[in-house]
Amino acid sequence: MPIQPSGKETEEMEAEGDSAAEMNGEADESEEERSGSQTESEEESSEMDDEDYERRRSECVSEMLDLEKQFSELKEKLFRERLSQLRLRLEEVGAERAPEYTEPLGGLQQSLKIRIQVAGIYKGFCLDVIRNKYECELQGAKQHLEVRRIMWNRVKLQSLMAIWYHMKMPIYQNFLLHSRSSRVQ
């Protein structure tokens, strides 16, 4: 809120404005009036002595210093208010109550929930794929083992048959030889 000058100060300013207008002359006056007023202002200016100038200068300086003091006080007050507002905001953010914090946080939490759900589904699919690969490998290993057993049993059977055939062959040959020889006689 701007500071209004007191009634006394406004009267002084108006008086100063009048004397300044008198010193400088009226801007709307015609040439004739100017020449007449110049003589009056010269008389008045000669009447004004150095003390008046010094007094007015000191009044202006003191008023300017007062205004500067008020300005610096207002500036300091504004700084303190902004600082307190920032501290309050910081406390609200720290306590997770500030709207500029809670609204984006809510969005981030919703995004986090969705990502967690997607990651859970993806994990489930990955586990299914791993489980299926394991079962395929296990089934392939069992089938391979079964084929090896069957082949081993075949080789073993063929070997045994070959052994049996070779063992039986001499007996059979002897039998055939004996049976032929008995027929020949």
N, C-alpha and C. Protein backbone atom coordinates (compact mmCIF):
# COMPACT_ATOMS: atom_id res chain seq x y z
N MET A 1 0.85 -1.17 0.00
CA MET A 1 0.00 0.00 0.00
C MET A 1 0.90 1.23 0.00
N PRO A 2 0.69 2.13 -0.97
CA PRO A 2 1.55 3.32 -1.02
C PRO A 2 1.29 4.22 0.17
N ILE A 3 2.33 4.86 0.60
CA ILE A 3 2.23 5.75 1.75
C ILE A 3 1.80 7.12 1.24
N GLN A 4 0.74 7.66 1.82
CA GLN A 4 0.22 8.98 1.45
C GLN A 4 0.93 10.03 2.30
N PRO A 5 1.36 11.10 1.68
CA PRO A 5 1.99 12.16 2.48
C PRO A 5 0.94 12.81 3.38
N SER A 6 1.39 13.29 4.50
CA SER A 6 0.48 13.93 5.45
C SER A 6 -0.04 15.24 4.85
N GLY A 7 -1.09 15.79 5.47
CA GLY A 7 -1.69 17.03 4.98
C GLY A 7 -0.69 18.17 4.94
N LYS A 8 0.16 18.24 5.95
CA LYS A 8 1.16 19.30 6.02
C LYS A 8 2.13 19.19 4.85
N GLU A 9 2.54 17.95 4.54
CA GLU A 9 3.47 17.74 3.45
C GLU A 9 2.84 18.11 2.11
N THR A 10 1.55 17.78 1.92
CA THR A 10 0.89 18.13 0.65
C THR A 10 0.81 19.64 0.48
N GLU A 11 0.54 20.36 1.58
CA GLU A 11 0.48 21.82 1.50
C GLU A 11 1.85 22.40 1.14
N GLU A 12 2.89 21.80 1.72
CA GLU A 12 4.24 22.27 1.42
C GLU A 12 4.57 22.02 -0.04
N MET A 13 4.16 20.83 -0.55
CA MET A 13 4.44 20.50 -1.94
C MET A 13 3.71 21.44 -2.89
N GLU A 14 2.46 21.76 -2.57
CA GLU A 14 1.70 22.68 -3.41
C GLU A 14 2.34 24.07 -3.38
N ALA A 15 2.77 24.49 -2.19
CA ALA A 15 3.42 25.80 -2.09
C ALA A 15 4.71 25.80 -2.89
N GLU A 16 5.45 24.71 -2.84
CA GLU A 16 6.68 24.61 -3.61
C GLU A 16 6.37 24.61 -5.09
N GLY A 17 5.27 23.92 -5.48
CA GLY A 17 4.87 23.89 -6.89
C GLY A 17 4.51 25.27 -7.37
N ASP A 18 3.80 26.05 -6.52
CA ASP A 18 3.43 27.42 -6.90
C ASP A 18 4.67 28.28 -7.05
N SER A 19 5.59 28.16 -6.10
CA SER A 19 6.78 28.98 -6.18
C SER A 19 7.63 28.56 -7.36
N ALA A 20 7.62 27.25 -7.70
CA ALA A 20 8.38 26.80 -8.87
C ALA A 20 7.76 27.34 -10.13
N ALA A 21 6.39 27.37 -10.16
CA ALA A 21 5.71 27.93 -11.33
C ALA A 21 6.01 29.41 -11.43
N GLU A 22 6.05 30.08 -10.27
CA GLU A 22 6.36 31.51 -10.28
C GLU A 22 7.79 31.73 -10.73
N MET A 23 8.68 30.85 -10.30
CA MET A 23 10.08 31.01 -10.67
C MET A 23 10.27 30.75 -12.16
N ASN A 24 9.60 29.75 -12.68
CA ASN A 24 9.78 29.37 -14.07
C ASN A 24 8.85 30.13 -15.00
N GLY A 25 7.80 30.71 -14.48
CA GLY A 25 6.83 31.43 -15.29
C GLY A 25 5.73 30.48 -15.74
N GLU A 26 4.58 30.98 -16.01
CA GLU A 26 3.45 30.17 -16.45
C GLU A 26 3.71 29.76 -17.89
N ALA A 27 3.39 28.52 -18.23
CA ALA A 27 3.63 28.02 -19.57
C ALA A 27 2.58 28.51 -20.55
N ASP A 28 1.37 28.86 -20.08
CA ASP A 28 0.27 29.24 -20.96
C ASP A 28 0.20 30.74 -21.20
N GLU A 29 1.08 31.48 -20.63
CA GLU A 29 1.01 32.95 -20.74
C GLU A 29 1.46 33.39 -22.13
N SER A 30 0.93 34.50 -22.53
CA SER A 30 1.31 35.06 -23.84
C SER A 30 2.63 35.81 -23.69
N GLU A 31 3.11 36.32 -24.80
CA GLU A 31 4.38 37.04 -24.82
C GLU A 31 4.37 38.26 -23.91
N GLU A 32 3.29 38.96 -23.93
CA GLU A 32 3.21 40.18 -23.12
C GLU A 32 3.20 39.85 -21.64
N GLU A 33 2.43 38.83 -21.33
CA GLU A 33 2.35 38.46 -19.92
C GLU A 33 3.69 37.93 -19.45
N ARG A 34 4.40 37.30 -20.35
CA ARG A 34 5.71 36.76 -19.98
C ARG A 34 6.68 37.89 -19.64
N SER A 35 6.69 38.87 -20.44
CA SER A 35 7.62 39.98 -20.18
C SER A 35 7.28 40.66 -18.86
N GLY A 36 5.95 40.78 -18.57
CA GLY A 36 5.53 41.38 -17.31
C GLY A 36 5.85 40.48 -16.14
N SER A 37 5.66 39.21 -16.31
CA SER A 37 5.91 38.28 -15.21
C SER A 37 7.40 38.09 -14.99
N GLN A 38 8.20 38.27 -16.04
CA GLN A 38 9.64 38.13 -15.87
C GLN A 38 10.17 39.21 -14.94
N THR A 39 9.66 40.37 -15.07
CA THR A 39 10.11 41.44 -14.19
C THR A 39 9.70 41.14 -12.77
N GLU A 40 8.48 40.59 -12.60
CA GLU A 40 8.02 40.24 -11.25
C GLU A 40 8.87 39.11 -10.68
N SER A 41 9.15 38.10 -11.51
CA SER A 41 9.92 36.97 -11.02
C SER A 41 11.36 37.38 -10.71
N GLU A 42 11.89 38.34 -11.47
CA GLU A 42 13.23 38.83 -11.16
C GLU A 42 13.26 39.52 -9.82
N GLU A 43 12.20 40.27 -9.55
CA GLU A 43 12.12 40.96 -8.27
C GLU A 43 12.00 39.94 -7.14
N GLU A 44 11.14 38.93 -7.37
CA GLU A 44 10.94 37.91 -6.33
C GLU A 44 12.20 37.09 -6.14
N SER A 45 12.86 36.75 -7.24
CA SER A 45 14.07 35.94 -7.13
C SER A 45 15.18 36.71 -6.44
N SER A 46 15.20 38.00 -6.65
CA SER A 46 16.22 38.78 -5.95
C SER A 46 15.90 38.83 -4.47
N GLU A 47 14.58 38.77 -4.17
CA GLU A 47 14.19 38.78 -2.77
C GLU A 47 14.57 37.46 -2.09
N MET A 48 14.48 36.37 -2.88
CA MET A 48 14.84 35.06 -2.30
C MET A 48 16.35 35.02 -2.14
N ASP A 49 16.74 34.79 -1.02
CA ASP A 49 18.17 34.78 -0.79
C ASP A 49 18.67 33.34 -0.65
N ASP A 50 19.91 33.24 -0.38
CA ASP A 50 20.56 31.93 -0.28
C ASP A 50 20.00 31.08 0.85
N GLU A 51 19.52 31.73 1.89
CA GLU A 51 18.97 30.97 3.01
C GLU A 51 17.74 30.19 2.59
N ASP A 52 16.88 30.82 1.78
CA ASP A 52 15.68 30.11 1.30
C ASP A 52 16.07 28.91 0.44
N TYR A 53 17.04 29.13 -0.44
CA TYR A 53 17.49 28.02 -1.28
C TYR A 53 18.05 26.89 -0.44
N GLU A 54 18.85 27.24 0.52
CA GLU A 54 19.46 26.23 1.39
C GLU A 54 18.39 25.51 2.21
N ARG A 55 17.42 26.28 2.71
CA ARG A 55 16.33 25.68 3.49
C ARG A 55 15.54 24.70 2.61
N ARG A 56 15.18 25.12 1.41
CA ARG A 56 14.43 24.25 0.51
C ARG A 56 15.23 23.02 0.13
N ARG A 57 16.51 23.23 -0.11
CA ARG A 57 17.37 22.09 -0.47
C ARG A 57 17.44 21.09 0.66
N SER A 58 17.61 21.58 1.90
CA SER A 58 17.68 20.67 3.05
C SER A 58 16.34 19.96 3.26
N GLU A 59 15.22 20.68 3.02
CA GLU A 59 13.91 20.03 3.13
C GLU A 59 13.77 18.92 2.08
N CYS A 60 14.18 19.23 0.86
CA CYS A 60 14.10 18.22 -0.21
C CYS A 60 14.99 17.02 0.09
N VAL A 61 16.19 17.30 0.57
CA VAL A 61 17.12 16.22 0.91
C VAL A 61 16.57 15.38 2.04
N SER A 62 16.03 16.04 3.07
CA SER A 62 15.48 15.27 4.20
C SER A 62 14.26 14.47 3.74
N GLU A 63 13.44 15.07 2.87
CA GLU A 63 12.28 14.33 2.35
C GLU A 63 12.73 13.15 1.49
N MET A 64 13.77 13.36 0.68
CA MET A 64 14.31 12.28 -0.14
C MET A 64 14.89 11.17 0.73
N LEU A 65 15.61 11.55 1.78
CA LEU A 65 16.16 10.55 2.69
C LEU A 65 15.05 9.77 3.38
N ASP A 66 13.99 10.50 3.76
CA ASP A 66 12.85 9.85 4.39
C ASP A 66 12.21 8.85 3.42
N LEU A 67 12.05 9.27 2.17
CA LEU A 67 11.47 8.37 1.16
C LEU A 67 12.37 7.16 0.91
N GLU A 68 13.67 7.39 0.86
CA GLU A 68 14.60 6.28 0.67
C GLU A 68 14.54 5.32 1.85
N LYS A 69 14.42 5.87 3.05
CA LYS A 69 14.31 5.04 4.25
C LYS A 69 13.03 4.21 4.19
N GLN A 70 11.91 4.86 3.83
CA GLN A 70 10.64 4.14 3.71
C GLN A 70 10.74 3.06 2.63
N PHE A 71 11.38 3.40 1.52
CA PHE A 71 11.54 2.43 0.43
C PHE A 71 12.35 1.23 0.88
N SER A 72 13.48 1.48 1.56
CA SER A 72 14.31 0.37 2.02
C SER A 72 13.58 -0.47 3.07
N GLU A 73 12.78 0.19 3.94
CA GLU A 73 12.00 -0.56 4.92
C GLU A 73 10.96 -1.43 4.23
N LEU A 74 10.28 -0.85 3.23
CA LEU A 74 9.29 -1.64 2.49
C LEU A 74 9.94 -2.78 1.72
N LYS A 75 11.10 -2.49 1.16
CA LYS A 75 11.82 -3.53 0.43
C LYS A 75 12.23 -4.66 1.38
N GLU A 76 12.71 -4.32 2.53
CA GLU A 76 13.10 -5.31 3.54
C GLU A 76 11.88 -6.10 4.01
N LYS A 77 10.76 -5.39 4.22
CA LYS A 77 9.53 -6.05 4.64
C LYS A 77 9.05 -7.03 3.57
N LEU A 78 9.09 -6.61 2.31
CA LEU A 78 8.71 -7.48 1.20
C LEU A 78 9.62 -8.69 1.14
N PHE A 79 10.92 -8.48 1.33
CA PHE A 79 11.87 -9.58 1.32
C PHE A 79 11.54 -10.58 2.43
N ARG A 80 11.28 -10.07 3.64
CA ARG A 80 10.95 -10.96 4.76
C ARG A 80 9.66 -11.73 4.49
N GLU A 81 8.65 -11.04 3.91
CA GLU A 81 7.39 -11.71 3.62
C GLU A 81 7.59 -12.82 2.59
N ARG A 82 8.34 -12.52 1.54
CA ARG A 82 8.60 -13.55 0.53
C ARG A 82 9.40 -14.70 1.10
N LEU A 83 10.37 -14.37 1.96
CA LEU A 83 11.16 -15.41 2.60
C LEU A 83 10.28 -16.30 3.47
N SER A 84 9.38 -15.67 4.23
CA SER A 84 8.48 -16.47 5.08
C SER A 84 7.54 -17.31 4.23
N GLN A 85 7.08 -16.76 3.10
CA GLN A 85 6.23 -17.54 2.20
C GLN A 85 6.99 -18.72 1.62
N LEU A 86 8.24 -18.49 1.24
CA LEU A 86 9.05 -19.59 0.71
C LEU A 86 9.31 -20.65 1.76
N ARG A 87 9.57 -20.22 2.99
CA ARG A 87 9.78 -21.20 4.06
C ARG A 87 8.51 -22.00 4.32
N LEU A 88 7.36 -21.31 4.28
CA LEU A 88 6.09 -22.00 4.46
C LEU A 88 5.87 -23.02 3.34
N ARG A 89 6.17 -22.62 2.10
CA ARG A 89 6.05 -23.55 0.97
C ARG A 89 6.99 -24.73 1.14
N LEU A 90 8.21 -24.44 1.58
CA LEU A 90 9.18 -25.50 1.79
C LEU A 90 8.70 -26.47 2.86
N GLU A 91 8.13 -25.95 3.93
CA GLU A 91 7.57 -26.82 4.97
C GLU A 91 6.42 -27.65 4.41
N GLU A 92 5.56 -27.04 3.59
CA GLU A 92 4.46 -27.78 2.98
C GLU A 92 4.98 -28.88 2.07
N VAL A 93 6.02 -28.58 1.31
CA VAL A 93 6.60 -29.60 0.44
C VAL A 93 7.22 -30.70 1.28
N GLY A 94 7.92 -30.31 2.35
CA GLY A 94 8.52 -31.31 3.24
C GLY A 94 7.48 -32.19 3.90
N ALA A 95 6.32 -31.61 4.21
CA ALA A 95 5.24 -32.38 4.83
C ALA A 95 4.33 -33.02 3.78
N GLU A 96 4.68 -32.86 2.50
CA GLU A 96 3.92 -33.42 1.37
C GLU A 96 2.48 -32.91 1.35
N ARG A 97 2.30 -31.61 1.62
CA ARG A 97 0.97 -31.01 1.58
C ARG A 97 0.85 -29.97 0.48
N ALA A 98 1.93 -29.53 -0.09
CA ALA A 98 1.90 -28.46 -1.10
C ALA A 98 1.24 -28.97 -2.38
N PRO A 99 0.30 -28.20 -2.93
CA PRO A 99 -0.39 -28.66 -4.15
C PRO A 99 0.56 -28.82 -5.34
N GLU A 100 1.58 -27.97 -5.43
CA GLU A 100 2.52 -28.13 -6.54
C GLU A 100 3.40 -29.37 -6.36
N TYR A 101 3.35 -29.95 -5.18
CA TYR A 101 4.07 -31.20 -4.91
C TYR A 101 3.13 -32.39 -5.00
N THR A 102 1.96 -32.27 -4.40
CA THR A 102 1.05 -33.42 -4.31
C THR A 102 0.45 -33.80 -5.66
N GLU A 103 0.13 -32.81 -6.50
CA GLU A 103 -0.47 -33.13 -7.80
C GLU A 103 0.50 -33.91 -8.69
N PRO A 104 1.74 -33.45 -8.90
CA PRO A 104 2.66 -34.27 -9.70
C PRO A 104 3.00 -35.59 -9.01
N LEU A 105 3.04 -35.57 -7.68
CA LEU A 105 3.33 -36.80 -6.96
C LEU A 105 2.23 -37.83 -7.20
N GLY A 106 0.98 -37.38 -7.19
CA GLY A 106 -0.14 -38.29 -7.46
C GLY A 106 -0.01 -38.90 -8.85
N GLY A 107 0.34 -38.08 -9.83
CA GLY A 107 0.55 -38.58 -11.19
C GLY A 107 1.70 -39.57 -11.25
N LEU A 108 2.78 -39.25 -10.56
CA LEU A 108 3.92 -40.17 -10.54
C LEU A 108 3.58 -41.48 -9.84
N GLN A 109 2.81 -41.40 -8.75
CA GLN A 109 2.43 -42.63 -8.05
C GLN A 109 1.52 -43.49 -8.92
N GLN A 110 0.60 -42.86 -9.65
CA GLN A 110 -0.27 -43.60 -10.56
C GLN A 110 0.56 -44.27 -11.65
N SER A 111 1.52 -43.52 -12.19
CA SER A 111 2.41 -44.07 -13.21
C SER A 111 3.23 -45.23 -12.63
N LEU A 112 3.66 -45.08 -11.39
CA LEU A 112 4.41 -46.14 -10.72
C LEU A 112 3.57 -47.40 -10.58
N LYS A 113 2.31 -47.24 -10.17
CA LYS A 113 1.42 -48.41 -10.03
C LYS A 113 1.24 -49.12 -11.36
N ILE A 114 1.03 -48.34 -12.42
CA ILE A 114 0.85 -48.93 -13.75
C ILE A 114 2.12 -49.67 -14.17
N ARG A 115 3.26 -49.05 -13.95
CA ARG A 115 4.52 -49.70 -14.33
C ARG A 115 4.77 -50.97 -13.52
N ILE A 116 4.40 -50.94 -12.24
CA ILE A 116 4.56 -52.14 -11.42
C ILE A 116 3.66 -53.26 -11.94
N GLN A 117 2.42 -52.91 -12.31
CA GLN A 117 1.51 -53.91 -12.86
C GLN A 117 2.05 -54.48 -14.17
N VAL A 118 2.53 -53.60 -15.04
CA VAL A 118 3.09 -54.06 -16.32
C VAL A 118 4.31 -54.94 -16.07
N ALA A 119 5.16 -54.53 -15.14
CA ALA A 119 6.35 -55.33 -14.82
C ALA A 119 5.96 -56.69 -14.25
N GLY A 120 4.90 -56.73 -13.42
CA GLY A 120 4.43 -58.01 -12.88
C GLY A 120 3.92 -58.93 -13.98
N ILE A 121 3.15 -58.36 -14.91
CA ILE A 121 2.65 -59.17 -16.04
C ILE A 121 3.81 -59.65 -16.90
N TYR A 122 4.76 -58.76 -17.17
CA TYR A 122 5.93 -59.14 -17.97
C TYR A 122 6.73 -60.23 -17.26
N LYS A 123 6.88 -60.10 -15.96
CA LYS A 123 7.60 -61.12 -15.19
C LYS A 123 6.89 -62.46 -15.29
N GLY A 124 5.54 -62.43 -15.20
CA GLY A 124 4.77 -63.67 -15.33
C GLY A 124 5.00 -64.33 -16.68
N PHE A 125 4.98 -63.52 -17.75
CA PHE A 125 5.22 -64.06 -19.09
C PHE A 125 6.63 -64.63 -19.21
N CYS A 126 7.60 -63.91 -18.66
CA CYS A 126 8.99 -64.39 -18.71
C CYS A 126 9.13 -65.71 -17.96
N LEU A 127 8.48 -65.82 -16.79
CA LEU A 127 8.53 -67.07 -16.04
C LEU A 127 7.86 -68.20 -16.81
N ASP A 128 6.74 -67.90 -17.49
CA ASP A 128 6.08 -68.92 -18.31
C ASP A 128 6.99 -69.40 -19.43
N VAL A 129 7.68 -68.46 -20.07
CA VAL A 129 8.60 -68.82 -21.15
C VAL A 129 9.73 -69.69 -20.61
N ILE A 130 10.28 -69.31 -19.47
CA ILE A 130 11.37 -70.09 -18.87
C ILE A 130 10.87 -71.48 -18.48
N ARG A 131 9.68 -71.54 -17.89
CA ARG A 131 9.10 -72.82 -17.50
C ARG A 131 8.87 -73.70 -18.73
N ASN A 132 8.34 -73.12 -19.80
CA ASN A 132 8.11 -73.88 -21.03
C ASN A 132 9.42 -74.37 -21.63
N LYS A 133 10.45 -73.51 -21.64
CA LYS A 133 11.76 -73.95 -22.14
C LYS A 133 12.31 -75.11 -21.30
N TYR A 134 12.15 -75.01 -19.98
CA TYR A 134 12.63 -76.07 -19.09
C TYR A 134 11.90 -77.37 -19.38
N GLU A 135 10.57 -77.28 -19.51
CA GLU A 135 9.79 -78.49 -19.79
C GLU A 135 10.16 -79.08 -21.14
N CYS A 136 10.39 -78.21 -22.15
CA CYS A 136 10.82 -78.71 -23.47
C CYS A 136 12.17 -79.40 -23.38
N GLU A 137 13.10 -78.78 -22.69
CA GLU A 137 14.43 -79.39 -22.52
C GLU A 137 14.33 -80.72 -21.78
N LEU A 138 13.52 -80.74 -20.73
CA LEU A 138 13.35 -81.97 -19.95
C LEU A 138 12.71 -83.06 -20.81
N GLN A 139 11.68 -82.69 -21.54
CA GLN A 139 11.01 -83.67 -22.41
C GLN A 139 11.96 -84.15 -23.50
N GLY A 140 12.74 -83.22 -24.09
CA GLY A 140 13.72 -83.60 -25.10
C GLY A 140 14.77 -84.54 -24.52
N ALA A 141 15.22 -84.26 -23.30
CA ALA A 141 16.23 -85.12 -22.67
C ALA A 141 15.65 -86.50 -22.39
N LYS A 142 14.39 -86.57 -21.92
CA LYS A 142 13.75 -87.87 -21.66
C LYS A 142 13.58 -88.66 -22.95
N GLN A 143 13.14 -87.97 -24.01
CA GLN A 143 12.96 -88.66 -25.29
C GLN A 143 14.30 -89.14 -25.83
N HIS A 144 15.33 -88.33 -25.70
CA HIS A 144 16.66 -88.73 -26.15
C HIS A 144 17.14 -89.95 -25.36
N LEU A 145 16.91 -89.93 -24.06
CA LEU A 145 17.31 -91.07 -23.23
C LEU A 145 16.54 -92.32 -23.63
N GLU A 146 15.26 -92.17 -23.90
CA GLU A 146 14.44 -93.32 -24.29
C GLU A 146 14.91 -93.88 -25.63
N VAL A 147 15.22 -92.98 -26.57
CA VAL A 147 15.74 -93.43 -27.88
C VAL A 147 17.07 -94.14 -27.69
N ARG A 148 17.92 -93.61 -26.83
CA ARG A 148 19.22 -94.27 -26.56
C ARG A 148 19.02 -95.65 -25.94
N ARG A 149 18.06 -95.76 -25.03
CA ARG A 149 17.78 -97.07 -24.41
C ARG A 149 17.29 -98.06 -25.46
N ILE A 150 16.37 -97.56 -26.29
CA ILE A 150 15.84 -98.46 -27.33
C ILE A 150 16.97 -98.89 -28.26
N MET A 151 17.81 -97.94 -28.67
CA MET A 151 18.93 -98.29 -29.55
C MET A 151 19.89 -99.24 -28.83
N TRP A 152 20.14 -98.94 -27.56
CA TRP A 152 21.04 -99.82 -26.80
C TRP A 152 20.47 -101.23 -26.70
N ASN A 153 19.18 -101.29 -26.41
CA ASN A 153 18.54 -102.61 -26.32
C ASN A 153 18.58 -103.31 -27.68
N ARG A 154 18.41 -102.59 -28.77
CA ARG A 154 18.48 -103.19 -30.10
C ARG A 154 19.88 -103.72 -30.38
N VAL A 155 20.86 -102.84 -30.09
CA VAL A 155 22.25 -103.27 -30.31
C VAL A 155 22.57 -104.47 -29.45
N LYS A 156 22.12 -104.42 -28.22
CA LYS A 156 22.36 -105.53 -27.29
C LYS A 156 21.68 -106.80 -27.79
N LEU A 157 20.45 -106.66 -28.27
CA LEU A 157 19.70 -107.81 -28.78
C LEU A 157 20.38 -108.37 -30.03
N GLN A 158 20.80 -107.43 -30.89
CA GLN A 158 21.48 -107.90 -32.10
C GLN A 158 22.79 -108.59 -31.75
N SER A 159 23.49 -108.02 -30.77
CA SER A 159 24.75 -108.65 -30.34
C SER A 159 24.49 -110.02 -29.75
N LEU A 160 23.47 -110.10 -28.91
CA LEU A 160 23.15 -111.39 -28.30
C LEU A 160 22.69 -112.40 -29.35
N MET A 161 21.92 -111.91 -30.31
CA MET A 161 21.48 -112.82 -31.37
C MET A 161 22.66 -113.29 -32.20
N ALA A 162 23.59 -112.33 -32.45
CA ALA A 162 24.77 -112.72 -33.22
C ALA A 162 25.59 -113.73 -32.43
N ILE A 163 25.74 -113.46 -31.15
CA ILE A 163 26.49 -114.40 -30.31
C ILE A 163 25.78 -115.74 -30.27
N TRP A 164 24.50 -115.70 -30.09
CA TRP A 164 23.73 -116.94 -30.02
C TRP A 164 23.80 -117.69 -31.35
N TYR A 165 23.72 -116.90 -32.42
CA TYR A 165 23.76 -117.53 -33.72
C TYR A 165 25.12 -118.17 -33.95
N HIS A 166 26.19 -117.46 -33.55
CA HIS A 166 27.53 -118.01 -33.73
C HIS A 166 27.77 -119.18 -32.80
N MET A 167 27.18 -119.14 -31.66
CA MET A 167 27.34 -120.26 -30.73
C MET A 167 26.51 -121.44 -31.21
N LYS A 168 25.39 -121.15 -31.71
CA LYS A 168 24.51 -122.21 -32.16
C LYS A 168 24.97 -122.76 -33.50
N MET A 169 25.58 -121.96 -34.27
CA MET A 169 25.98 -122.37 -35.59
C MET A 169 26.90 -123.58 -35.57
N PRO A 170 27.91 -123.58 -34.76
CA PRO A 170 28.73 -124.80 -34.77
C PRO A 170 27.93 -126.02 -34.33
N ILE A 171 27.04 -125.85 -33.42
CA ILE A 171 26.23 -126.99 -32.99
C ILE A 171 25.33 -127.43 -34.13
N TYR A 172 24.79 -126.46 -34.79
CA TYR A 172 23.89 -126.75 -35.90
C TYR A 172 24.68 -127.37 -37.05
N GLN A 173 25.88 -126.83 -37.26
CA GLN A 173 26.70 -127.41 -38.31
C GLN A 173 27.10 -128.83 -37.95
N ASN A 174 27.44 -129.03 -36.73
CA ASN A 174 27.76 -130.39 -36.29
C ASN A 174 26.55 -131.30 -36.46
N PHE A 175 25.43 -130.77 -36.14
CA PHE A 175 24.20 -131.55 -36.28
C PHE A 175 23.97 -131.90 -37.75
N LEU A 176 24.17 -130.89 -38.58
CA LEU A 176 23.99 -131.14 -40.01
C LEU A 176 25.03 -132.13 -40.51
N LEU A 177 26.23 -132.00 -40.07
CA LEU A 177 27.27 -132.92 -40.49
C LEU A 177 26.95 -134.34 -40.00
N HIS A 178 26.48 -134.41 -38.81
CA HIS A 178 26.14 -135.73 -38.27
C HIS A 178 24.93 -136.30 -38.99
N SER A 179 24.04 -135.44 -39.28
CA SER A 179 22.85 -135.96 -39.95
C SER A 179 23.19 -136.34 -41.38
N ARG A 180 24.04 -135.76 -42.05
CA ARG A 180 24.44 -136.11 -43.38
C ARG A 180 25.31 -137.37 -43.35
N SER A 181 26.15 -137.36 -42.44
CA SER A 181 27.01 -138.55 -42.35
C SER A 181 26.20 -139.78 -41.97
N SER A 182 25.20 -139.64 -41.19
CA SER A 182 24.40 -140.80 -40.84
C SER A 182 23.55 -141.20 -42.03
N ARG A 183 23.21 -140.37 -42.84
CA ARG A 183 22.45 -140.70 -44.02
C ARG A 183 23.36 -141.37 -45.03
N VAL A 184 24.48 -140.97 -45.13
CA VAL A 184 25.41 -141.54 -46.10
C VAL A 184 25.72 -142.98 -45.67
N GLN A 185 25.77 -143.33 -44.65
CA GLN A 185 26.10 -144.67 -44.20
C GLN A 185 24.96 -145.53 -44.36
